[in-house]
Amino acid sequence: MKTVRIIPRLDIKGPNLVKGIHLEGLRVLGKPADFAKYYYNHGADELMFQDVVASLYDRNGLHDIVSETARSIFIPITVGGGIRTLQDITKMLRAGADKISINTAAINNPDLIRQASEEFGSSTIVVAIEAIKSHDGKYYAFTDNGREYTGIEVIEWAQQVQDLGCGELIITSVDNEGTGKGFDTELISAVASAVTIPVIAHGGAGSKEDIEKLFDTGVVDAVALGSVLHYEAIQSFVLSENSETEGNFEFIKSGRSFSKFDPFNLKNLKEHLHSNDIYCR
């Protein structure tokens, strides 16, 4: 029986975990290491770190965060944002990453995918696709955390990166990201049907039922979750007298940020999925 993966995604700006809506309006939530440890202890199958301003500022600032996390967390870590060269990949792998996610650099230089997969193995190279639906009904790929239009059609791009040797895709619906209104199953199904490599869905989860419905389609191998996990984690931190985590708690506690969410922790999610015959690693 096929098993699926649950991957907390931590968007990083400088030293902080941040979260926005449609990849914009970022708010500081706290220290990445605190959230990473919390998710690891609650049964995360993998972790994903994304420097969300790396392309904007022409750098990647995750080396120290990844190095610190890898010393105490023993599940696969994917790192993305600002990685442009084979040397950048080598540096992140040495810091403790298991997989490398590329988007902007892949679009600017598709041959980097081939070079990287040959150098480090296809299973190490993940291509991230940030998709926005156009008025013509087609989905187009964006770069720079959903800021820059490329004119590249998503399905064609997914097939091309597979042919170049990438081992996995992460598909972000920018339209749904951070909204809690559910996944764009039209987008995800179209991409998954066009390729044979594993597909990770990201963007839109607001409840356990959203994730159950996505996995029931049978088209994805994993889901990357941000807001719906972060809000539960922050509430746990707030209630813990021993917590030293600092973040935008007043905004979170106001309820304005998650009125469309039904937050849960990873243990609750996995129990729910298992009860519906969906099994995690």
Protein backbone atom coordinates (compact mmCIF):
# COMPACT_ATOMS: atom_id res chain seq x y z
CA MET A 1 0.00 0.00 0.00
CA LYS A 2 1.27 3.45 -0.90
CA THR A 3 2.34 5.61 2.03
CA VAL A 4 2.39 9.40 2.03
CA ARG A 5 4.59 11.99 3.68
CA ILE A 6 3.68 14.97 5.85
CA ILE A 7 6.25 17.77 5.53
CA PRO A 8 6.11 20.93 7.64
CA ARG A 9 7.35 23.84 5.55
CA LEU A 10 9.20 26.63 7.33
CA ASP A 11 9.50 29.86 5.37
CA ILE A 12 12.50 31.83 6.60
CA LYS A 13 13.37 35.52 6.38
CA GLY A 14 16.66 36.34 8.06
CA PRO A 15 16.72 34.49 11.41
CA ASN A 16 12.93 34.20 11.67
CA LEU A 17 10.12 31.85 10.71
CA VAL A 18 7.58 33.91 8.78
CA LYS A 19 4.21 33.33 7.15
CA GLY A 20 2.10 35.26 4.72
CA ILE A 21 -0.82 34.90 2.34
CA HIS A 22 -0.18 34.31 -1.37
CA LEU A 23 3.52 34.30 -0.34
CA GLU A 24 3.22 37.98 0.61
CA GLY A 25 2.58 40.08 3.74
CA LEU A 26 5.08 38.10 5.79
CA ARG A 27 4.73 38.14 9.58
CA VAL A 28 7.31 36.88 12.05
CA LEU A 29 6.12 33.80 13.94
CA GLY A 30 9.21 32.84 15.94
CA LYS A 31 12.46 30.91 15.91
CA PRO A 32 12.75 28.25 13.20
CA ALA A 33 14.62 25.86 15.50
CA ASP A 34 11.74 25.84 18.01
CA PHE A 35 9.19 24.94 15.34
CA ALA A 36 11.48 22.36 13.72
CA LYS A 37 11.96 20.59 17.05
CA TYR A 38 8.22 20.73 17.80
CA TYR A 39 7.34 19.16 14.45
CA TYR A 40 10.04 16.52 14.75
CA ASN A 41 8.76 15.50 18.17
CA HIS A 42 5.20 15.29 16.81
CA GLY A 43 6.09 12.94 13.96
CA ALA A 44 7.03 14.98 10.88
CA ASP A 45 8.26 12.75 8.06
CA GLU A 46 10.52 15.44 6.63
CA LEU A 47 11.16 19.16 7.04
CA MET A 48 11.39 21.85 4.40
CA PHE A 49 13.22 25.16 4.86
CA GLN A 50 12.66 27.92 2.30
CA ASP A 51 14.49 31.27 2.32
CA VAL A 52 11.66 33.37 0.94
CA VAL A 53 13.72 36.49 0.20
CA ALA A 54 16.87 34.80 -1.05
CA SER A 55 16.29 35.54 -4.72
CA LEU A 56 15.22 39.09 -3.95
CA TYR A 57 18.47 39.81 -2.09
CA ASP A 58 20.68 37.50 -4.17
CA ARG A 59 21.75 35.25 -1.30
CA ASN A 60 20.79 32.28 0.84
CA GLY A 61 20.91 32.69 4.62
CA LEU A 62 19.92 29.21 5.77
CA HIS A 63 23.33 27.63 6.35
CA ASP A 64 23.44 28.20 10.12
CA ILE A 65 19.77 27.34 10.65
CA VAL A 66 20.12 24.09 8.71
CA SER A 67 23.35 23.19 10.48
CA GLU A 68 21.77 23.76 13.90
CA THR A 69 18.66 21.75 12.99
CA ALA A 70 20.54 18.81 11.48
CA ARG A 71 22.48 18.25 14.70
CA SER A 72 19.36 17.30 16.65
CA ILE A 73 16.72 16.28 14.11
CA PHE A 74 17.07 13.01 12.24
CA ILE A 75 14.60 13.18 9.38
CA PRO A 76 15.25 14.39 5.82
CA ILE A 77 15.62 18.14 5.39
CA THR A 78 14.95 19.94 2.10
CA VAL A 79 16.44 23.41 1.65
CA GLY A 80 15.50 26.00 -0.97
CA GLY A 81 15.93 29.66 -1.80
CA GLY A 82 18.86 31.42 -3.45
CA ILE A 83 20.64 28.25 -4.54
CA ARG A 84 22.14 28.94 -7.96
CA THR A 85 25.22 26.81 -8.48
CA LEU A 86 26.64 23.35 -7.82
CA GLN A 87 28.83 24.99 -5.19
CA ASP A 88 25.74 26.35 -3.42
CA ILE A 89 24.26 22.84 -3.40
CA THR A 90 27.47 21.34 -2.02
CA LYS A 91 27.53 23.93 0.77
CA MET A 92 23.95 23.16 1.83
CA LEU A 93 24.45 19.42 1.74
CA ARG A 94 27.52 19.76 3.92
CA ALA A 95 25.48 21.88 6.35
CA GLY A 96 23.09 18.95 6.79
CA ALA A 97 20.48 19.19 4.03
CA ASP A 98 19.37 15.95 2.39
CA LYS A 99 17.61 17.51 -0.59
CA ILE A 100 17.91 20.80 -2.44
CA SER A 101 14.95 22.70 -3.89
CA ILE A 102 15.51 25.08 -6.81
CA ASN A 103 13.10 27.35 -8.66
CA THR A 104 14.48 30.65 -9.97
CA ALA A 105 17.87 29.18 -10.83
CA ALA A 106 16.24 26.27 -12.63
CA ILE A 107 14.15 28.57 -14.81
CA ASN A 108 17.09 30.87 -15.52
CA ASN A 109 19.38 27.93 -16.31
CA PRO A 110 17.49 24.65 -16.88
CA ASP A 111 20.75 22.80 -17.49
CA LEU A 112 21.52 23.28 -13.78
CA ILE A 113 18.92 20.57 -13.12
CA ARG A 114 20.78 18.10 -15.32
CA GLN A 115 24.17 19.03 -13.89
CA ALA A 116 22.94 18.81 -10.30
CA SER A 117 21.13 15.50 -10.75
CA GLU A 118 24.22 13.98 -12.36
CA GLU A 119 26.51 15.35 -9.65
CA PHE A 120 24.40 14.63 -6.57
CA GLY A 121 21.77 12.14 -7.74
CA SER A 122 18.20 12.76 -8.90
CA SER A 123 16.78 11.98 -5.45
CA THR A 124 18.65 14.99 -4.06
CA ILE A 125 17.22 17.53 -6.52
CA VAL A 126 13.72 18.94 -6.06
CA VAL A 127 12.28 21.52 -8.44
CA ALA A 128 9.79 23.95 -6.92
CA ILE A 129 7.07 25.35 -9.16
CA GLU A 130 5.12 28.38 -7.98
CA ALA A 131 1.96 28.45 -10.09
CA ILE A 132 -0.67 31.13 -10.69
CA LYS A 133 -3.76 30.59 -12.81
CA SER A 134 -4.12 33.05 -15.67
CA HIS A 135 -7.33 34.48 -17.14
CA ASP A 136 -6.84 32.10 -20.09
CA GLY A 137 -7.30 29.14 -17.74
CA LYS A 138 -3.68 28.05 -17.93
CA TYR A 139 -1.20 27.94 -15.06
CA TYR A 140 2.09 29.81 -15.37
CA ALA A 141 5.28 29.45 -13.36
CA PHE A 142 6.52 32.32 -11.21
CA THR A 143 9.84 32.93 -9.49
CA ASP A 144 11.12 34.99 -6.55
CA ASN A 145 8.50 33.65 -4.13
CA GLY A 146 5.65 34.26 -6.54
CA ARG A 147 6.75 37.76 -7.52
CA GLU A 148 8.06 37.37 -11.07
CA TYR A 149 6.05 36.14 -14.06
CA THR A 150 8.00 33.88 -16.40
CA GLY A 151 5.53 33.14 -19.17
CA ILE A 152 6.37 29.43 -18.81
CA GLU A 153 3.37 27.10 -18.78
CA VAL A 154 3.44 24.88 -15.69
CA ILE A 155 2.62 21.49 -17.22
CA GLU A 156 5.23 21.84 -19.96
CA TRP A 157 7.78 22.99 -17.39
CA ALA A 158 7.04 20.05 -15.09
CA GLN A 159 7.64 17.62 -17.94
CA GLN A 160 10.84 19.39 -18.95
CA VAL A 161 12.37 19.33 -15.45
CA GLN A 162 11.54 15.64 -15.15
CA ASP A 163 13.34 14.99 -18.44
CA LEU A 164 16.34 16.95 -17.13
CA GLY A 165 16.67 14.58 -14.18
CA CYS A 166 14.94 16.17 -11.19
CA GLY A 167 13.74 13.57 -8.70
CA GLU A 168 10.75 15.32 -7.17
CA LEU A 169 8.42 18.29 -7.69
CA ILE A 170 6.85 20.61 -5.16
CA ILE A 171 3.85 22.44 -6.59
CA THR A 172 2.71 25.62 -4.84
CA SER A 173 -0.61 27.20 -5.71
CA VAL A 174 0.20 30.86 -5.06
CA ASP A 175 -3.52 31.66 -5.41
CA ASN A 176 -4.39 29.36 -2.49
CA GLU A 177 -1.23 29.63 -0.37
CA GLY A 178 -1.87 30.83 3.17
CA THR A 179 -5.64 31.15 2.65
CA GLY A 180 -6.90 27.95 4.30
CA LYS A 181 -9.48 27.49 1.53
CA GLY A 182 -8.19 24.11 0.37
CA PHE A 183 -5.85 22.83 -2.32
CA ASP A 184 -6.08 23.63 -6.01
CA THR A 185 -6.75 20.04 -7.01
CA GLU A 186 -7.13 21.01 -10.68
CA LEU A 187 -3.53 22.26 -10.73
CA ILE A 188 -2.11 19.42 -8.64
CA SER A 189 -3.87 16.67 -10.59
CA ALA A 190 -2.81 18.15 -13.93
CA VAL A 191 0.84 18.25 -12.90
CA ALA A 192 0.82 14.80 -11.29
CA SER A 193 -0.81 13.29 -14.37
CA ALA A 194 1.88 14.76 -16.61
CA VAL A 195 4.89 13.31 -14.77
CA THR A 196 5.98 10.06 -13.17
CA ILE A 197 8.22 11.46 -10.42
CA PRO A 198 6.86 12.14 -6.90
CA VAL A 199 4.78 15.30 -6.44
CA ILE A 200 4.48 17.31 -3.22
CA ALA A 201 1.43 19.59 -2.94
CA HIS A 202 1.69 22.93 -1.14
CA GLY A 203 -0.68 25.83 -0.63
CA GLY A 204 -4.19 26.05 0.77
CA ALA A 205 -4.61 23.48 3.55
CA GLY A 206 -7.01 24.71 6.21
CA SER A 207 -8.14 21.49 7.87
CA LYS A 208 -7.42 17.78 8.24
CA GLU A 209 -10.26 17.13 5.81
CA ASP A 210 -8.54 19.20 3.09
CA ILE A 211 -5.49 16.93 3.34
CA GLU A 212 -7.60 13.77 3.44
CA LYS A 213 -9.42 14.86 0.25
CA LEU A 214 -6.12 15.59 -1.46
CA PHE A 215 -4.64 12.19 -0.64
CA ASP A 216 -7.89 10.49 -1.64
CA THR A 217 -7.22 11.65 -5.21
CA GLY A 218 -4.19 9.33 -5.21
CA VAL A 219 -2.12 11.72 -7.30
CA VAL A 220 0.38 13.10 -4.77
CA ASP A 221 3.10 11.49 -2.68
CA ALA A 222 3.37 14.17 0.01
CA VAL A 223 1.99 17.42 1.31
CA ALA A 224 3.92 20.44 2.58
CA LEU A 225 2.10 22.35 5.32
CA GLY A 226 2.72 25.80 6.75
CA SER A 227 0.00 27.98 8.30
CA VAL A 228 -2.30 25.25 9.54
CA LEU A 229 0.54 23.68 11.56
CA HIS A 230 2.21 26.93 12.62
CA TYR A 231 -0.95 28.33 14.22
CA GLU A 232 -1.41 25.23 16.35
CA ALA A 233 2.27 25.23 17.29
CA ILE A 234 2.17 28.87 18.32
CA GLN A 235 -0.89 28.30 20.48
CA SER A 236 0.99 25.47 22.17
CA PHE A 237 4.01 27.71 22.72
CA VAL A 238 1.83 30.47 24.17
CA LEU A 239 0.26 28.06 26.64
CA SER A 240 3.61 26.64 27.71
CA GLU A 241 5.07 28.43 30.71
CA ASN A 242 8.53 27.15 29.80
CA SER A 243 8.46 28.39 26.21
CA GLU A 244 10.97 31.08 25.26
CA THR A 245 9.75 31.30 21.68
CA GLU A 246 9.16 34.86 20.55
CA GLY A 247 6.84 35.78 17.71
CA ASN A 248 3.87 37.85 16.63
CA PHE A 249 1.68 36.17 19.24
CA GLU A 250 -0.78 39.03 19.71
CA PHE A 251 -1.68 38.90 16.02
CA ILE A 252 -2.01 35.13 16.14
CA LYS A 253 -4.11 35.14 19.31
CA SER A 254 -6.46 37.77 17.85
CA GLY A 255 -7.86 35.10 15.54
CA ARG A 256 -7.74 37.34 12.47
CA SER A 257 -4.92 35.28 11.03
CA PHE A 258 -6.63 31.90 11.09
CA SER A 259 -10.38 32.46 10.86
CA LYS A 260 -10.46 30.08 7.88
CA PHE A 261 -8.24 27.47 9.53
CA ASP A 262 -8.94 24.52 11.77
CA PRO A 263 -5.44 24.13 13.22
CA PHE A 264 -4.14 20.74 14.31
CA ASN A 265 -0.88 19.10 15.26
CA LEU A 266 0.86 16.35 13.33
CA LYS A 267 -0.23 13.60 15.70
CA ASN A 268 -3.89 14.58 15.25
CA LEU A 269 -3.46 14.69 11.49
CA LYS A 270 -1.83 11.28 11.23
CA GLU A 271 -4.46 9.70 13.48
CA HIS A 272 -7.17 11.19 11.27
CA LEU A 273 -5.51 9.96 8.08
CA HIS A 274 -4.90 6.48 9.48
CA SER A 275 -8.56 6.21 10.49
CA ASN A 276 -9.40 6.84 6.84
CA ASP A 277 -6.92 4.25 5.49
CA ILE A 278 -4.29 6.80 4.49
CA TYR A 279 -0.93 5.75 5.88
CA CYS A 280 2.10 7.93 6.56
CA ARG A 281 5.73 7.00 6.79
